[in-house]
Protein backbone atom coordinates (compact mmCIF):
# COMPACT_ATOMS: atom_id res chain seq x y z
CA LEU A 1 -6.20 -8.85 -12.54
CA LEU A 2 -3.20 -6.43 -12.97
CA VAL A 3 -0.54 -6.47 -10.26
CA PRO A 4 2.66 -4.49 -10.13
CA GLN A 5 4.80 -7.65 -9.53
CA LEU A 6 4.60 -11.08 -8.10
CA ASP A 7 5.93 -11.38 -4.56
CA ASP A 8 5.15 -12.41 -1.12
CA TYR A 9 2.22 -9.95 -1.03
CA THR A 10 0.70 -10.00 -4.21
CA GLY A 11 1.27 -13.68 -4.91
CA PRO A 12 -1.34 -14.95 -2.27
CA LEU A 13 -3.91 -12.45 -3.82
CA VAL A 14 -3.43 -13.70 -7.10
CA GLU A 15 -3.86 -17.38 -5.98
CA ALA A 16 -6.96 -16.42 -3.96
CA ALA A 17 -8.49 -14.66 -7.05
CA LEU A 18 -7.48 -17.63 -9.25
CA ARG A 19 -9.42 -19.98 -6.98
CA THR A 20 -12.41 -17.87 -6.68
CA VAL A 21 -12.75 -17.27 -10.31
CA ARG A 22 -12.06 -21.03 -11.17
CA ASP A 23 -14.72 -21.92 -8.55
CA GLY A 24 -17.20 -19.78 -10.28
CA GLY A 25 -16.50 -21.20 -13.67
CA ASP A 26 -14.69 -18.29 -15.18
CA GLU A 27 -11.16 -17.58 -16.16
CA LEU A 28 -8.87 -15.13 -14.92
CA VAL A 29 -6.15 -13.17 -16.99
CA VAL A 30 -3.19 -12.11 -14.80
CA ARG A 31 -0.82 -9.50 -16.16
CA VAL A 32 2.21 -8.02 -14.25
CA THR A 33 2.84 -4.21 -15.01
CA GLY A 34 6.08 -3.85 -13.17
CA GLY A 35 4.70 -0.96 -11.38
CA SER A 36 4.89 1.18 -14.67
CA LEU A 37 1.97 3.35 -15.48
CA GLU A 38 2.54 3.06 -19.21
CA GLN A 39 2.68 -0.82 -18.84
CA GLU A 40 -0.71 -0.50 -16.86
CA ASP A 41 -2.27 1.61 -19.48
CA ARG A 42 -1.12 -0.68 -22.29
CA HIS A 43 -2.37 -3.71 -20.56
CA LEU A 44 -5.81 -2.20 -19.84
CA ARG A 45 -6.15 -1.04 -23.39
CA GLU A 46 -5.43 -4.57 -24.67
CA LEU A 47 -7.55 -6.46 -22.21
CA THR A 48 -10.66 -4.07 -22.56
CA ASP A 49 -10.59 -3.82 -26.30
CA PRO A 50 -14.27 -4.41 -27.51
CA GLY A 51 -14.65 -8.04 -28.35
CA GLY A 52 -11.75 -9.06 -25.97
CA GLY A 53 -13.96 -10.99 -23.79
CA VAL A 54 -12.77 -9.31 -20.46
CA GLU A 55 -15.75 -8.63 -18.55
CA GLY A 56 -14.16 -6.60 -15.70
CA VAL A 57 -10.83 -5.55 -14.15
CA LEU A 58 -9.14 -6.01 -10.52
CA LEU A 59 -6.22 -3.58 -10.69
CA PHE A 60 -3.53 -3.39 -8.10
CA PRO A 61 -1.81 -0.26 -9.08
CA GLY A 62 1.12 -0.60 -6.73
CA ASP A 63 2.84 2.70 -5.12
CA ARG A 64 1.52 5.17 -7.70
CA LYS A 65 -0.24 8.45 -6.41
CA THR A 66 -2.62 8.98 -9.06
CA CYS A 67 -4.77 6.87 -11.40
CA GLY A 68 -3.82 6.51 -15.06
CA THR A 69 -5.60 7.73 -18.09
CA GLU A 70 -6.88 4.39 -19.01
CA VAL A 71 -8.55 3.86 -15.49
CA LEU A 72 -10.18 7.23 -16.01
CA ARG A 73 -11.43 6.24 -19.30
CA LEU A 74 -12.86 2.87 -18.15
CA HIS A 75 -14.58 4.60 -15.14
CA LEU A 76 -16.17 7.12 -17.27
CA ALA A 77 -17.24 4.62 -19.68
CA GLY A 78 -19.03 2.67 -16.83
CA TYR A 79 -16.59 -0.54 -17.29
CA PRO A 80 -16.43 -2.72 -14.19
CA ILE A 81 -13.06 -1.98 -12.61
CA VAL A 82 -12.12 -2.51 -8.81
CA ILE A 83 -8.99 -1.11 -7.38
CA VAL A 84 -7.22 -3.49 -4.89
CA ASP A 85 -5.28 -2.13 -1.93
CA ARG A 86 -5.30 1.36 -3.07
CA SER A 87 -7.62 4.17 -3.57
CA PHE A 88 -7.22 7.51 -5.41
CA ARG A 89 -8.29 10.84 -3.88
CA GLU A 90 -9.33 12.35 -7.25
CA LEU A 91 -11.79 9.69 -8.18
CA HIS A 92 -14.38 7.53 -6.22
CA LEU A 93 -13.73 4.20 -7.74
CA PRO A 94 -14.73 0.75 -6.15
CA CYS A 95 -11.95 -0.45 -4.17
CA VAL A 96 -10.95 -3.18 -1.53
CA VAL A 97 -8.57 -1.67 0.77
CA HIS A 98 -7.11 -2.17 4.40
CA ASP A 99 -7.98 0.25 7.01
CA HIS A 100 -4.40 1.72 7.21
CA TYR A 101 -5.35 4.26 9.67
CA LYS A 102 -7.05 2.11 12.15
CA GLY A 103 -4.40 -0.58 11.94
CA ALA A 104 -1.39 1.94 12.50
CA TYR A 105 -3.39 3.53 15.24
CA ASP A 106 -4.17 0.16 16.95
CA VAL A 107 -0.41 -0.99 16.54
CA THR A 108 1.00 2.26 17.90
CA ARG A 109 -1.72 2.35 20.86
CA LEU A 110 -0.66 -1.17 21.75
CA LEU A 111 3.02 -0.32 21.88
CA ILE A 112 2.08 2.75 23.96
CA GLU A 113 0.14 0.44 26.25
CA ARG A 114 3.06 -1.78 26.69
CA GLY A 115 5.13 1.07 28.11
CA HIS A 116 6.79 2.32 24.93
CA ARG A 117 7.42 6.13 25.01
CA SER A 118 9.90 6.40 22.35
CA ILE A 119 8.56 5.05 19.25
CA GLY A 120 10.02 5.56 15.80
CA PHE A 121 8.10 5.63 12.45
CA VAL A 122 9.92 4.60 9.25
CA SER A 123 8.13 4.62 5.97
CA GLU A 124 8.92 4.72 2.25
CA PRO A 125 8.03 8.30 0.81
CA VAL A 126 4.68 8.99 2.43
CA TYR A 127 3.14 12.07 0.74
CA GLY A 128 0.45 11.24 -1.99
CA VAL A 129 0.15 7.31 -1.34
CA MET A 130 -2.90 7.24 0.83
CA SER A 131 -1.93 3.94 2.56
CA ARG A 132 1.28 5.37 3.78
CA GLU A 133 -0.24 8.76 4.73
CA ASP A 134 -3.04 6.96 6.58
CA ARG A 135 -0.61 4.90 8.40
CA TYR A 136 1.46 7.92 9.60
CA TYR A 137 -1.84 9.79 10.63
CA GLY A 138 -2.76 6.61 12.66
CA PHE A 139 0.63 6.64 14.33
CA MET A 140 0.54 10.33 15.06
CA GLN A 141 -3.18 10.19 16.43
CA ALA A 142 -2.43 7.26 18.67
CA HIS A 143 0.34 9.41 20.28
CA ALA A 144 -1.98 12.44 20.57
CA ASP A 145 -4.87 10.42 22.17
CA ALA A 146 -2.64 8.75 24.73
CA GLY A 147 -0.79 12.11 25.53
CA VAL A 148 2.57 10.79 24.65
CA ALA A 149 4.88 13.12 22.63
CA TYR A 150 7.07 11.85 19.85
CA SER A 151 10.06 13.53 18.23
CA MET A 152 10.25 14.50 14.61
CA LYS A 153 13.74 13.33 14.73
CA SER A 154 12.26 9.78 15.20
CA VAL A 155 10.23 9.98 12.01
CA PHE A 156 11.80 8.82 8.74
CA LEU A 157 9.29 9.34 5.67
CA GLU A 158 11.74 8.90 2.88
CA TYR A 159 13.17 5.54 3.52
CA ASP A 160 14.23 3.99 0.09
CA GLY A 161 15.40 0.37 1.29
CA ARG A 162 18.98 1.20 1.59
CA ARG A 163 20.66 -0.69 4.42
CA GLU A 164 23.02 2.22 5.32
CA ASP A 165 20.00 4.30 5.71
CA ALA A 166 18.29 2.14 8.36
CA VAL A 167 21.50 1.80 10.24
CA ALA A 168 22.11 5.65 10.11
CA TYR A 169 18.48 6.15 11.31
CA LEU A 170 18.74 3.80 14.26
CA ASP A 171 22.02 5.06 15.32
CA SER A 172 20.78 8.63 15.39
CA ASN A 173 17.81 7.47 17.58
CA PRO A 174 19.46 5.22 20.40
CA ALA A 175 16.45 6.07 22.92
CA LEU A 176 13.91 4.39 20.74
CA THR A 177 12.32 1.38 22.39
CA ALA A 178 10.24 0.48 19.33
CA VAL A 179 10.05 1.26 15.57
CA PHE A 180 6.83 1.31 13.43
CA GLY A 181 7.75 -0.02 10.09
CA ALA A 182 5.24 1.21 7.73
CA ASN A 183 5.10 -2.21 5.81
CA ASP A 184 6.55 -5.62 6.22
CA HIS A 185 9.68 -4.86 4.14
CA VAL A 186 10.60 -1.58 6.08
CA ALA A 187 9.97 -3.53 9.41
CA ALA A 188 12.15 -6.32 8.30
CA ASP A 189 14.90 -3.92 7.26
CA MET A 190 14.77 -2.26 10.72
CA MET A 191 15.03 -5.67 12.59
CA GLY A 192 17.93 -6.76 10.29
């Protein structure tokens, strides 16, 4: 199992995988890539060398937009690899993902049903990261289906976690009655 970091999100995934593998009588090797494609490729080469004993890989690639060369090599060789919480548009790899579009659609629709008509959307850079794009598209579609307009001024697609940017965004959008944070970290920043 390769993860970008151990945090409040990936930690429970690692614990669940460890329990599942242990219950099946197998062993799980966990490597942390730091979100680096180079580290990911290095770990994949080391773990999948012939005779290494690793029979398959679960890969949580983090925020990358494309798969790495080692993922492609393993896929073409028919090596068992499953992508966790991401998918790559350029390859049809087995993956386990949330329905980011429907989740964002449902949350936005709920906010609209509760009377919010001025809803902001804040995300880390969106384009090229499927989960972020899907959340943004779900947000937009919920507005369209409900016949509720939204202002592009209230959409912030390049949030980088800097507190001053969150404050500036909120200050420039005083009419907002709700803000959709595209992940837990963004939502916490908007609330803080």
